[in-house]
Amino acid sequence: AVWLGVFSTLFFLFLSQSWLVYVPSENDFIFGSIKTVFS
């Protein structure tokens, strides 16, 4: 269970940071908030 938690955390870290690399659409209204939280 401990190592599963480590794996889940690493998976989430890489995935959430990949969100910040995308270029948002001009109609997007949430990217700024997502960036504030996950950066």
PDB file of all heavy atoms in Angstrom:
ATOM      1  N   ALA A   1       0.830  -1.209   0.000  1.00  0.00           N
ATOM      2  CA  ALA A   1       0.000   0.000   0.000  1.00  0.00           C
ATOM      3  C   ALA A   1       0.863   1.256   0.000  1.00  0.00           C
ATOM      4  O   ALA A   1       0.524   2.261  -0.643  1.00  0.00           O
ATOM      5  CB  ALA A   1      -0.929  -0.002   1.217  1.00  0.00           C
ATOM      6  N   VAL A   2       1.981   1.211   0.730  1.00  0.00           N
ATOM      7  CA  VAL A   2       2.894   2.358   0.760  1.00  0.00           C
ATOM      8  C   VAL A   2       3.457   2.616  -0.635  1.00  0.00           C
ATOM      9  O   VAL A   2       3.439   3.759  -1.127  1.00  0.00           O
ATOM     10  CB  VAL A   2       4.055   2.116   1.749  1.00  0.00           C
ATOM     11  CG1 VAL A   2       5.052   3.276   1.681  1.00  0.00           C
ATOM     12  CG2 VAL A   2       3.525   1.956   3.170  1.00  0.00           C
ATOM     13  N   TRP A   3       3.942   1.580  -1.307  1.00  0.00           N
ATOM     14  CA  TRP A   3       4.529   1.763  -2.631  1.00  0.00           C
ATOM     15  C   TRP A   3       3.479   2.129  -3.667  1.00  0.00           C
ATOM     16  O   TRP A   3       3.778   2.844  -4.642  1.00  0.00           O
ATOM     17  CB  TRP A   3       5.298   0.503  -3.049  1.00  0.00           C
ATOM     18  CG  TRP A   3       6.536   0.313  -2.237  1.00  0.00           C
ATOM     19  CD1 TRP A   3       6.830  -0.711  -1.383  1.00  0.00           C
ATOM     20  CD2 TRP A   3       7.659   1.206  -2.165  1.00  0.00           C
ATOM     21  NE1 TRP A   3       8.057  -0.520  -0.788  1.00  0.00           N
ATOM     22  CE2 TRP A   3       8.579   0.652  -1.253  1.00  0.00           C
ATOM     23  CE3 TRP A   3       7.973   2.414  -2.778  1.00  0.00           C
ATOM     24  CZ2 TRP A   3       9.789   1.266  -0.939  1.00  0.00           C
ATOM     25  CZ3 TRP A   3       9.173   3.030  -2.470  1.00  0.00           C
ATOM     26  CH2 TRP A   3      10.073   2.450  -1.565  1.00  0.00           C
ATOM     27  N   LEU A   4       2.245   1.683  -3.463  1.00  0.00           N
ATOM     28  CA  LEU A   4       1.157   2.106  -4.341  1.00  0.00           C
ATOM     29  C   LEU A   4       0.911   3.601  -4.190  1.00  0.00           C
ATOM     30  O   LEU A   4       0.665   4.310  -5.172  1.00  0.00           O
ATOM     31  CB  LEU A   4      -0.124   1.328  -4.012  1.00  0.00           C
ATOM     32  CG  LEU A   4      -1.368   1.687  -4.836  1.00  0.00           C
ATOM     33  CD1 LEU A   4      -1.124   1.427  -6.316  1.00  0.00           C
ATOM     34  CD2 LEU A   4      -2.570   0.888  -4.352  1.00  0.00           C
ATOM     35  N   GLY A   5       0.990   4.101  -2.948  1.00  0.00           N
ATOM     36  CA  GLY A   5       0.849   5.531  -2.711  1.00  0.00           C
ATOM     37  C   GLY A   5       1.964   6.318  -3.375  1.00  0.00           C
ATOM     38  O   GLY A   5       1.730   7.397  -3.935  1.00  0.00           O
ATOM     39  N   VAL A   6       3.180   5.793  -3.331  1.00  0.00           N
ATOM     40  CA  VAL A   6       4.318   6.447  -3.988  1.00  0.00           C
ATOM     41  C   VAL A   6       4.091   6.500  -5.498  1.00  0.00           C
ATOM     42  O   VAL A   6       4.286   7.545  -6.139  1.00  0.00           O
ATOM     43  CB  VAL A   6       5.634   5.699  -3.671  1.00  0.00           C
ATOM     44  CG1 VAL A   6       6.778   6.235  -4.535  1.00  0.00           C
ATOM     45  CG2 VAL A   6       5.976   5.830  -2.193  1.00  0.00           C
ATOM     46  N   PHE A   7       3.672   5.376  -6.077  1.00  0.00           N
ATOM     47  CA  PHE A   7       3.414   5.327  -7.518  1.00  0.00           C
ATOM     48  C   PHE A   7       2.307   6.307  -7.912  1.00  0.00           C
ATOM     49  O   PHE A   7       2.425   7.028  -8.909  1.00  0.00           O
ATOM     50  CB  PHE A   7       3.021   3.900  -7.937  1.00  0.00           C
ATOM     51  CG  PHE A   7       2.628   3.792  -9.384  1.00  0.00           C
ATOM     52  CD1 PHE A   7       3.595   3.687 -10.375  1.00  0.00           C
ATOM     53  CD2 PHE A   7       1.294   3.819  -9.762  1.00  0.00           C
ATOM     54  CE1 PHE A   7       3.236   3.605 -11.716  1.00  0.00           C
ATOM     55  CE2 PHE A   7       0.925   3.735 -11.097  1.00  0.00           C
ATOM     56  CZ  PHE A   7       1.900   3.626 -12.074  1.00  0.00           C
ATOM     57  N   SER A   8       1.223   6.335  -7.127  1.00  0.00           N
ATOM     58  CA  SER A   8       0.101   7.233  -7.423  1.00  0.00           C
ATOM     59  C   SER A   8       0.546   8.689  -7.387  1.00  0.00           C
ATOM     60  O   SER A   8       0.132   9.505  -8.223  1.00  0.00           O
ATOM     61  CB  SER A   8      -1.031   7.014  -6.416  1.00  0.00           C
ATOM     62  OG  SER A   8      -1.491   5.693  -6.448  1.00  0.00           O
ATOM     63  N   THR A   9       1.390   9.017  -6.423  1.00  0.00           N
ATOM     64  CA  THR A   9       1.884  10.382  -6.294  1.00  0.00           C
ATOM     65  C   THR A   9       2.751  10.774  -7.475  1.00  0.00           C
ATOM     66  O   THR A   9       2.626  11.879  -8.030  1.00  0.00           O
ATOM     67  CB  THR A   9       2.686  10.545  -4.983  1.00  0.00           C
ATOM     68  OG1 THR A   9       1.861  10.192  -3.872  1.00  0.00           O
ATOM     69  CG2 THR A   9       3.165  11.976  -4.803  1.00  0.00           C
ATOM     70  N   LEU A  10       3.643   9.879  -7.890  1.00  0.00           N
ATOM     71  CA  LEU A  10       4.494  10.153  -9.047  1.00  0.00           C
ATOM     72  C   LEU A  10       3.660  10.300 -10.314  1.00  0.00           C
ATOM     73  O   LEU A  10       3.901  11.213 -11.123  1.00  0.00           O
ATOM     74  CB  LEU A  10       5.504   9.018  -9.232  1.00  0.00           C
ATOM     75  CG  LEU A  10       6.711   9.020  -8.293  1.00  0.00           C
ATOM     76  CD1 LEU A  10       7.515   7.745  -8.473  1.00  0.00           C
ATOM     77  CD2 LEU A  10       7.585  10.247  -8.538  1.00  0.00           C
ATOM     78  N   PHE A  11       2.685   9.429 -10.494  1.00  0.00           N
ATOM     79  CA  PHE A  11       1.802   9.492 -11.661  1.00  0.00           C
ATOM     80  C   PHE A  11       1.074  10.833 -11.707  1.00  0.00           C
ATOM     81  O   PHE A  11       1.005  11.494 -12.747  1.00  0.00           O
ATOM     82  CB  PHE A  11       0.790   8.340 -11.593  1.00  0.00           C
ATOM     83  CG  PHE A  11      -0.170   8.305 -12.747  1.00  0.00           C
ATOM     84  CD1 PHE A  11       0.186   7.714 -13.953  1.00  0.00           C
ATOM     85  CD2 PHE A  11      -1.433   8.850 -12.627  1.00  0.00           C
ATOM     86  CE1 PHE A  11      -0.696   7.684 -15.023  1.00  0.00           C
ATOM     87  CE2 PHE A  11      -2.328   8.833 -13.689  1.00  0.00           C
ATOM     88  CZ  PHE A  11      -1.965   8.237 -14.889  1.00  0.00           C
ATOM     89  N   PHE A  12       0.550  11.233 -10.553  1.00  0.00           N
ATOM     90  CA  PHE A  12      -0.174  12.501 -10.467  1.00  0.00           C
ATOM     91  C   PHE A  12       0.754  13.683 -10.718  1.00  0.00           C
ATOM     92  O   PHE A  12       0.375  14.653 -11.384  1.00  0.00           O
ATOM     93  CB  PHE A  12      -0.831  12.632  -9.093  1.00  0.00           C
ATOM     94  CG  PHE A  12      -1.445  13.984  -8.858  1.00  0.00           C
ATOM     95  CD1 PHE A  12      -2.586  14.386  -9.539  1.00  0.00           C
ATOM     96  CD2 PHE A  12      -0.875  14.867  -7.943  1.00  0.00           C
ATOM     97  CE1 PHE A  12      -3.140  15.628  -9.326  1.00  0.00           C
ATOM     98  CE2 PHE A  12      -1.433  16.113  -7.727  1.00  0.00           C
ATOM     99  CZ  PHE A  12      -2.571  16.500  -8.416  1.00  0.00           C
ATOM    100  N   LEU A  13       1.981  13.624 -10.201  1.00  0.00           N
ATOM    101  CA  LEU A  13       2.936  14.714 -10.383  1.00  0.00           C
ATOM    102  C   LEU A  13       3.238  14.937 -11.867  1.00  0.00           C
ATOM    103  O   LEU A  13       3.140  16.065 -12.366  1.00  0.00           O
ATOM    104  CB  LEU A  13       4.232  14.402  -9.628  1.00  0.00           C
ATOM    105  CG  LEU A  13       5.393  15.389  -9.837  1.00  0.00           C
ATOM    106  CD1 LEU A  13       5.018  16.781  -9.365  1.00  0.00           C
ATOM    107  CD2 LEU A  13       6.644  14.901  -9.120  1.00  0.00           C
ATOM    108  N   PHE A  14       3.575  13.872 -12.568  1.00  0.00           N
ATOM    109  CA  PHE A  14       3.916  14.018 -13.988  1.00  0.00           C
ATOM    110  C   PHE A  14       2.700  14.445 -14.807  1.00  0.00           C
ATOM    111  O   PHE A  14       2.808  15.274 -15.711  1.00  0.00           O
ATOM    112  CB  PHE A  14       4.488  12.705 -14.529  1.00  0.00           C
ATOM    113  CG  PHE A  14       5.889  12.427 -14.057  1.00  0.00           C
ATOM    114  CD1 PHE A  14       6.159  11.325 -13.256  1.00  0.00           C
ATOM    115  CD2 PHE A  14       6.935  13.272 -14.391  1.00  0.00           C
ATOM    116  CE1 PHE A  14       7.441  11.066 -12.803  1.00  0.00           C
ATOM    117  CE2 PHE A  14       8.231  13.025 -13.949  1.00  0.00           C
ATOM    118  CZ  PHE A  14       8.482  11.920 -13.157  1.00  0.00           C
ATOM    119  N   LEU A  15       1.540  13.891 -14.494  1.00  0.00           N
ATOM    120  CA  LEU A  15       0.342  14.224 -15.255  1.00  0.00           C
ATOM    121  C   LEU A  15      -0.067  15.675 -15.031  1.00  0.00           C
ATOM    122  O   LEU A  15      -0.350  16.411 -15.986  1.00  0.00           O
ATOM    123  CB  LEU A  15      -0.805  13.294 -14.863  1.00  0.00           C
ATOM    124  CG  LEU A  15      -2.095  13.437 -15.679  1.00  0.00           C
ATOM    125  CD1 LEU A  15      -1.844  13.114 -17.138  1.00  0.00           C
ATOM    126  CD2 LEU A  15      -3.184  12.543 -15.110  1.00  0.00           C
ATOM    127  N   SER A  16      -0.103  16.110 -13.773  1.00  0.00           N
ATOM    128  CA  SER A  16      -0.537  17.471 -13.468  1.00  0.00           C
ATOM    129  C   SER A  16       0.425  18.510 -14.044  1.00  0.00           C
ATOM    130  O   SER A  16      -0.003  19.587 -14.488  1.00  0.00           O
ATOM    131  CB  SER A  16      -0.685  17.666 -11.952  1.00  0.00           C
ATOM    132  OG  SER A  16       0.558  17.503 -11.289  1.00  0.00           O
ATOM    133  N   GLN A  17       1.709  18.193 -14.055  1.00  0.00           N
ATOM    134  CA  GLN A  17       2.668  19.138 -14.621  1.00  0.00           C
ATOM    135  C   GLN A  17       2.569  19.202 -16.150  1.00  0.00           C
ATOM    136  O   GLN A  17       2.854  20.233 -16.756  1.00  0.00           O
ATOM    137  CB  GLN A  17       4.087  18.764 -14.197  1.00  0.00           C
ATOM    138  CG  GLN A  17       4.344  18.945 -12.709  1.00  0.00           C
ATOM    139  CD  GLN A  17       3.933  20.312 -12.207  1.00  0.00           C
ATOM    140  OE1 GLN A  17       4.485  21.340 -12.594  1.00  0.00           O
ATOM    141  NE2 GLN A  17       2.927  20.349 -11.318  1.00  0.00           N
ATOM    142  N   SER A  18       2.140  18.093 -16.759  1.00  0.00           N
ATOM    143  CA  SER A  18       1.971  18.102 -18.217  1.00  0.00           C
ATOM    144  C   SER A  18       0.828  19.017 -18.632  1.00  0.00           C
ATOM    145  O   SER A  18       0.841  19.577 -19.731  1.00  0.00           O
ATOM    146  CB  SER A  18       1.725  16.682 -18.731  1.00  0.00           C
ATOM    147  OG  SER A  18       0.409  16.233 -18.415  1.00  0.00           O
ATOM    148  N   TRP A  19      -0.185  19.184 -17.753  1.00  0.00           N
ATOM    149  CA  TRP A  19      -1.304  20.080 -18.065  1.00  0.00           C
ATOM    150  C   TRP A  19      -0.819  21.505 -18.316  1.00  0.00           C
ATOM    151  O   TRP A  19      -1.380  22.231 -19.128  1.00  0.00           O
ATOM    152  CB  TRP A  19      -2.321  20.095 -16.925  1.00  0.00           C
ATOM    153  CG  TRP A  19      -2.926  18.770 -16.603  1.00  0.00           C
ATOM    154  CD1 TRP A  19      -3.013  17.682 -17.419  1.00  0.00           C
ATOM    155  CD2 TRP A  19      -3.523  18.384 -15.365  1.00  0.00           C
ATOM    156  NE1 TRP A  19      -3.632  16.647 -16.770  1.00  0.00           N
ATOM    157  CE2 TRP A  19      -3.955  17.041 -15.506  1.00  0.00           C
ATOM    158  CE3 TRP A  19      -3.737  19.032 -14.148  1.00  0.00           C
ATOM    159  CZ2 TRP A  19      -4.588  16.354 -14.480  1.00  0.00           C
ATOM    160  CZ3 TRP A  19      -4.375  18.354 -13.126  1.00  0.00           C
ATOM    161  CH2 TRP A  19      -4.790  17.013 -13.291  1.00  0.00           C
ATOM    162  N   LEU A  20       0.219  21.896 -17.577  1.00  0.00           N
ATOM    163  CA  LEU A  20       0.693  23.280 -17.641  1.00  0.00           C
ATOM    164  C   LEU A  20       1.460  23.583 -18.920  1.00  0.00           C
ATOM    165  O   LEU A  20       1.717  24.748 -19.231  1.00  0.00           O
ATOM    166  CB  LEU A  20       1.578  23.572 -16.418  1.00  0.00           C
ATOM    167  CG  LEU A  20       0.972  23.254 -15.045  1.00  0.00           C
ATOM    168  CD1 LEU A  20       1.943  23.651 -13.944  1.00  0.00           C
ATOM    169  CD2 LEU A  20      -0.364  23.956 -14.856  1.00  0.00           C
ATOM    170  N   VAL A  21       1.843  22.547 -19.665  1.00  0.00           N
ATOM    171  CA  VAL A  21       2.599  22.735 -20.894  1.00  0.00           C
ATOM    172  C   VAL A  21       1.675  23.057 -22.072  1.00  0.00           C
ATOM    173  O   VAL A  21       2.080  23.693 -23.045  1.00  0.00           O
ATOM    174  CB  VAL A  21       3.441  21.475 -21.199  1.00  0.00           C
ATOM    175  CG1 VAL A  21       4.259  21.655 -22.472  1.00  0.00           C
ATOM    176  CG2 VAL A  21       4.358  21.164 -20.019  1.00  0.00           C
ATOM    177  N   TYR A  22       0.423  22.635 -21.964  1.00  0.00           N
ATOM    178  CA  TYR A  22      -0.524  22.885 -23.056  1.00  0.00           C
ATOM    179  C   TYR A  22      -0.775  24.382 -23.253  1.00  0.00           C
ATOM    180  O   TYR A  22      -0.702  25.173 -22.306  1.00  0.00           O
ATOM    181  CB  TYR A  22      -1.859  22.202 -22.770  1.00  0.00           C
ATOM    182  CG  TYR A  22      -1.841  20.697 -22.944  1.00  0.00           C
ATOM    183  CD1 TYR A  22      -1.567  19.864 -21.863  1.00  0.00           C
ATOM    184  CD2 TYR A  22      -2.105  20.123 -24.176  1.00  0.00           C
ATOM    185  CE1 TYR A  22      -1.547  18.482 -22.011  1.00  0.00           C
ATOM    186  CE2 TYR A  22      -2.088  18.743 -24.338  1.00  0.00           C
ATOM    187  CZ  TYR A  22      -1.811  17.932 -23.254  1.00  0.00           C
ATOM    188  OH  TYR A  22      -1.795  16.567 -23.406  1.00  0.00           O
ATOM    189  N   VAL A  23      -1.063  24.747 -24.485  1.00  0.00           N
ATOM    190  CA  VAL A  23      -1.461  26.122 -24.804  1.00  0.00           C
ATOM    191  C   VAL A  23      -2.988  26.162 -24.800  1.00  0.00           C
ATOM    192  O   VAL A  23      -3.630  25.490 -25.605  1.00  0.00           O
ATOM    193  CB  VAL A  23      -0.939  26.554 -26.184  1.00  0.00           C
ATOM    194  CG1 VAL A  23      -1.417  27.967 -26.499  1.00  0.00           C
ATOM    195  CG2 VAL A  23       0.581  26.464 -26.219  1.00  0.00           C
ATOM    196  N   PRO A  24      -3.590  26.915 -23.874  1.00  0.00           N
ATOM    197  CA  PRO A  24      -5.054  26.906 -23.759  1.00  0.00           C
ATOM    198  C   PRO A  24      -5.736  27.613 -24.925  1.00  0.00           C
ATOM    199  O   PRO A  24      -5.156  28.506 -25.567  1.00  0.00           O
ATOM    200  CB  PRO A  24      -5.297  27.653 -22.447  1.00  0.00           C
ATOM    201  CG  PRO A  24      -4.126  28.553 -22.312  1.00  0.00           C
ATOM    202  CD  PRO A  24      -2.965  27.797 -22.879  1.00  0.00           C
ATOM    203  N   SER A  25      -6.961  27.211 -25.186  1.00  0.00           N
ATOM    204  CA  SER A  25      -7.771  27.867 -26.202  1.00  0.00           C
ATOM    205  C   SER A  25      -8.105  29.282 -25.755  1.00  0.00           C
ATOM    206  O   SER A  25      -8.140  29.586 -24.557  1.00  0.00           O
ATOM    207  CB  SER A  25      -9.066  27.071 -26.421  1.00  0.00           C
ATOM    208  OG  SER A  25     -10.026  27.839 -27.111  1.00  0.00           O
ATOM    209  N   GLU A  26      -8.367  30.155 -26.702  1.00  0.00           N
ATOM    210  CA  GLU A  26      -8.746  31.532 -26.366  1.00  0.00           C
ATOM    211  C   GLU A  26     -10.089  31.575 -25.625  1.00  0.00           C
ATOM    212  O   GLU A  26     -10.406  32.564 -24.969  1.00  0.00           O
ATOM    213  CB  GLU A  26      -8.825  32.380 -27.637  1.00  0.00           C
ATOM    214  CG  GLU A  26      -9.833  31.872 -28.656  1.00  0.00           C
ATOM    215  CD  GLU A  26      -9.850  32.697 -29.929  1.00  0.00           C
ATOM    216  OE1 GLU A  26      -8.905  33.485 -30.135  1.00  0.00           O
ATOM    217  OE2 GLU A  26     -10.807  32.560 -30.695  1.00  0.00           O
ATOM    218  N   ASN A  27     -10.855  30.492 -25.741  1.00  0.00           N
ATOM    219  CA  ASN A  27     -12.144  30.423 -25.041  1.00  0.00           C
ATOM    220  C   ASN A  27     -12.032  29.766 -23.667  1.00  0.00           C
ATOM    221  O   ASN A  27     -13.033  29.646 -22.956  1.00  0.00           O
ATOM    222  CB  ASN A  27     -13.162  29.648 -25.887  1.00  0.00           C
ATOM    223  CG  ASN A  27     -13.482  30.356 -27.182  1.00  0.00           C
ATOM    224  OD1 ASN A  27     -13.677  31.570 -27.196  1.00  0.00           O
ATOM    225  ND2 ASN A  27     -13.513  29.615 -28.292  1.00  0.00           N
ATOM    226  N   ASP A  28     -10.824  29.330 -23.318  1.00  0.00           N
ATOM    227  CA  ASP A  28     -10.626  28.678 -22.029  1.00  0.00           C
ATOM    228  C   ASP A  28     -10.796  29.692 -20.897  1.00  0.00           C
ATOM    229  O   ASP A  28     -10.383  30.847 -21.013  1.00  0.00           O
ATOM    230  CB  ASP A  28      -9.228  28.061 -21.957  1.00  0.00           C
ATOM    231  CG  ASP A  28      -8.926  27.471 -20.593  1.00  0.00           C
ATOM    232  OD1 ASP A  28      -9.335  26.329 -20.341  1.00  0.00           O
ATOM    233  OD2 ASP A  28      -8.293  28.181 -19.774  1.00  0.00           O
ATOM    234  N   PHE A  29     -11.398  29.242 -19.798  1.00  0.00           N
ATOM    235  CA  PHE A  29     -11.582  30.125 -18.647  1.00  0.00           C
ATOM    236  C   PHE A  29     -11.035  29.523 -17.354  1.00  0.00           C
ATOM    237  O   PHE A  29     -11.073  30.160 -16.304  1.00  0.00           O
ATOM    238  CB  PHE A  29     -13.078  30.440 -18.456  1.00  0.00           C
ATOM    239  CG  PHE A  29     -13.919  29.231 -18.137  1.00  0.00           C
ATOM    240  CD1 PHE A  29     -14.146  28.853 -16.829  1.00  0.00           C
ATOM    241  CD2 PHE A  29     -14.465  28.468 -19.162  1.00  0.00           C
ATOM    242  CE1 PHE A  29     -14.912  27.739 -16.527  1.00  0.00           C
ATOM    243  CE2 PHE A  29     -15.237  27.356 -18.878  1.00  0.00           C
ATOM    244  CZ  PHE A  29     -15.464  26.981 -17.563  1.00  0.00           C
ATOM    245  N   ILE A  30     -10.494  28.308 -17.411  1.00  0.00           N
ATOM    246  CA  ILE A  30     -10.067  27.629 -16.191  1.00  0.00           C
ATOM    247  C   ILE A  30      -8.554  27.452 -16.090  1.00  0.00           C
ATOM    248  O   ILE A  30      -8.012  27.206 -15.016  1.00  0.00           O
ATOM    249  CB  ILE A  30     -10.762  26.248 -16.090  1.00  0.00           C
ATOM    250  CG1 ILE A  30     -10.746  25.711 -14.650  1.00  0.00           C
ATOM    251  CG2 ILE A  30     -10.090  25.233 -17.033  1.00  0.00           C
ATOM    252  CD1 ILE A  30     -11.621  26.466 -13.715  1.00  0.00           C
ATOM    253  N   PHE A  31      -7.831  27.606 -17.215  1.00  0.00           N
ATOM    254  CA  PHE A  31      -6.403  27.292 -17.228  1.00  0.00           C
ATOM    255  C   PHE A  31      -5.620  28.134 -16.226  1.00  0.00           C
ATOM    256  O   PHE A  31      -4.696  27.636 -15.575  1.00  0.00           O
ATOM    257  CB  PHE A  31      -5.824  27.494 -18.630  1.00  0.00           C
ATOM    258  CG  PHE A  31      -4.392  27.039 -18.755  1.00  0.00           C
ATOM    259  CD1 PHE A  31      -4.085  25.704 -18.910  1.00  0.00           C
ATOM    260  CD2 PHE A  31      -3.347  27.964 -18.714  1.00  0.00           C
ATOM    261  CE1 PHE A  31      -2.758  25.283 -19.016  1.00  0.00           C
ATOM    262  CE2 PHE A  31      -2.029  27.561 -18.819  1.00  0.00           C
ATOM    263  CZ  PHE A  31      -1.736  26.211 -18.976  1.00  0.00           C
ATOM    264  N   GLY A  32      -5.979  29.396 -16.081  1.00  0.00           N
ATOM    265  CA  GLY A  32      -5.260  30.265 -15.144  1.00  0.00           C
ATOM    266  C   GLY A  32      -5.343  29.754 -13.721  1.00  0.00           C
ATOM    267  O   GLY A  32      -4.343  29.758 -12.982  1.00  0.00           O
ATOM    268  N   SER A  33      -6.519  29.305 -13.332  1.00  0.00           N
ATOM    269  CA  SER A  33      -6.704  28.779 -11.976  1.00  0.00           C
ATOM    270  C   SER A  33      -5.951  27.463 -11.796  1.00  0.00           C
ATOM    271  O   SER A  33      -5.323  27.234 -10.746  1.00  0.00           O
ATOM    272  CB  SER A  33      -8.199  28.558 -11.705  1.00  0.00           C
ATOM    273  OG  SER A  33      -8.895  29.786 -11.786  1.00  0.00           O
ATOM    274  N   ILE A  34      -6.025  26.596 -12.816  1.00  0.00           N
ATOM    275  CA  ILE A  34      -5.293  25.332 -12.761  1.00  0.00           C
ATOM    276  C   ILE A  34      -3.795  25.591 -12.611  1.00  0.00           C
ATOM    277  O   ILE A  34      -3.105  24.947 -11.819  1.00  0.00           O
ATOM    278  CB  ILE A  34      -5.557  24.504 -14.041  1.00  0.00           C
ATOM    279  CG1 ILE A  34      -7.016  24.047 -14.091  1.00  0.00           C
ATOM    280  CG2 ILE A  34      -4.606  23.316 -14.135  1.00  0.00           C
ATOM    281  CD1 ILE A  34      -7.385  23.020 -13.061  1.00  0.00           C
ATOM    282  N   LYS A  35      -3.291  26.550 -13.369  1.00  0.00           N
ATOM    283  CA  LYS A  35      -1.866  26.872 -13.320  1.00  0.00           C
ATOM    284  C   LYS A  35      -1.469  27.405 -11.948  1.00  0.00           C
ATOM    285  O   LYS A  35      -0.405  27.074 -11.418  1.00  0.00           O
ATOM    286  CB  LYS A  35      -1.531  27.906 -14.402  1.00  0.00           C
ATOM    287  CG  LYS A  35      -0.042  28.163 -14.560  1.00  0.00           C
ATOM    288  CD  LYS A  35       0.241  29.052 -15.760  1.00  0.00           C
ATOM    289  CE  LYS A  35       1.738  29.241 -15.961  1.00  0.00           C
ATOM    290  NZ  LYS A  35       2.038  30.093 -17.135  1.00  0.00           N
ATOM    291  N   THR A  36      -2.339  28.240 -11.371  1.00  0.00           N
ATOM    292  CA  THR A  36      -2.057  28.781 -10.041  1.00  0.00           C
ATOM    293  C   THR A  36      -1.928  27.677  -9.006  1.00  0.00           C
ATOM    294  O   THR A  36      -1.024  27.682  -8.162  1.00  0.00           O
ATOM    295  CB  THR A  36      -3.165  29.752  -9.609  1.00  0.00           C
ATOM    296  OG1 THR A  36      -3.225  30.845 -10.529  1.00  0.00           O
ATOM    297  CG2 THR A  36      -2.903  30.282  -8.206  1.00  0.00           C
ATOM    298  N   VAL A  37      -2.825  26.702  -9.089  1.00  0.00           N
ATOM    299  CA  VAL A  37      -2.822  25.601  -8.114  1.00  0.00           C
ATOM    300  C   VAL A  37      -1.651  24.662  -8.342  1.00  0.00           C
ATOM    301  O   VAL A  37      -0.871  24.372  -7.425  1.00  0.00           O
ATOM    302  CB  VAL A  37      -4.153  24.811  -8.179  1.00  0.00           C
ATOM    303  CG1 VAL A  37      -4.069  23.570  -7.290  1.00  0.00           C
ATOM    304  CG2 VAL A  37      -5.308  25.696  -7.756  1.00  0.00           C
ATOM    305  N   PHE A  38      -1.481  24.187  -9.566  1.00  0.00           N
ATOM    306  CA  PHE A  38      -0.553  23.095  -9.801  1.00  0.00           C
ATOM    307  C   PHE A  38       0.877  23.534 -10.112  1.00  0.00           C
ATOM    308  O   PHE A  38       1.788  22.710 -10.079  1.00  0.00           O
ATOM    309  CB  PHE A  38      -1.082  22.187 -10.911  1.00  0.00           C
ATOM    310  CG  PHE A  38      -2.297  21.419 -10.492  1.00  0.00           C
ATOM    311  CD1 PHE A  38      -3.555  21.776 -10.964  1.00  0.00           C
ATOM    312  CD2 PHE A  38      -2.200  20.363  -9.611  1.00  0.00           C
ATOM    313  CE1 PHE A  38      -4.681  21.086 -10.561  1.00  0.00           C
ATOM    314  CE2 PHE A  38      -3.312  19.662  -9.206  1.00  0.00           C
ATOM    315  CZ  PHE A  38      -4.562  20.024  -9.681  1.00  0.00           C
ATOM    316  N   SER A  39       1.085  24.813 -10.382  1.00  0.00           N
ATOM    317  CA  SER A  39       2.463  25.267 -10.563  1.00  0.00           C
ATOM    318  C   SER A  39       3.198  25.309  -9.231  1.00  0.00           C
ATOM    319  O   SER A  39       4.431  25.320  -9.187  1.00  0.00           O
ATOM    320  CB  SER A  39       2.493  26.655 -11.214  1.00  0.00           C
ATOM    321  OG  SER A  39       1.852  27.614 -10.389  1.00  0.00           O
TER     322      SER A  39
END
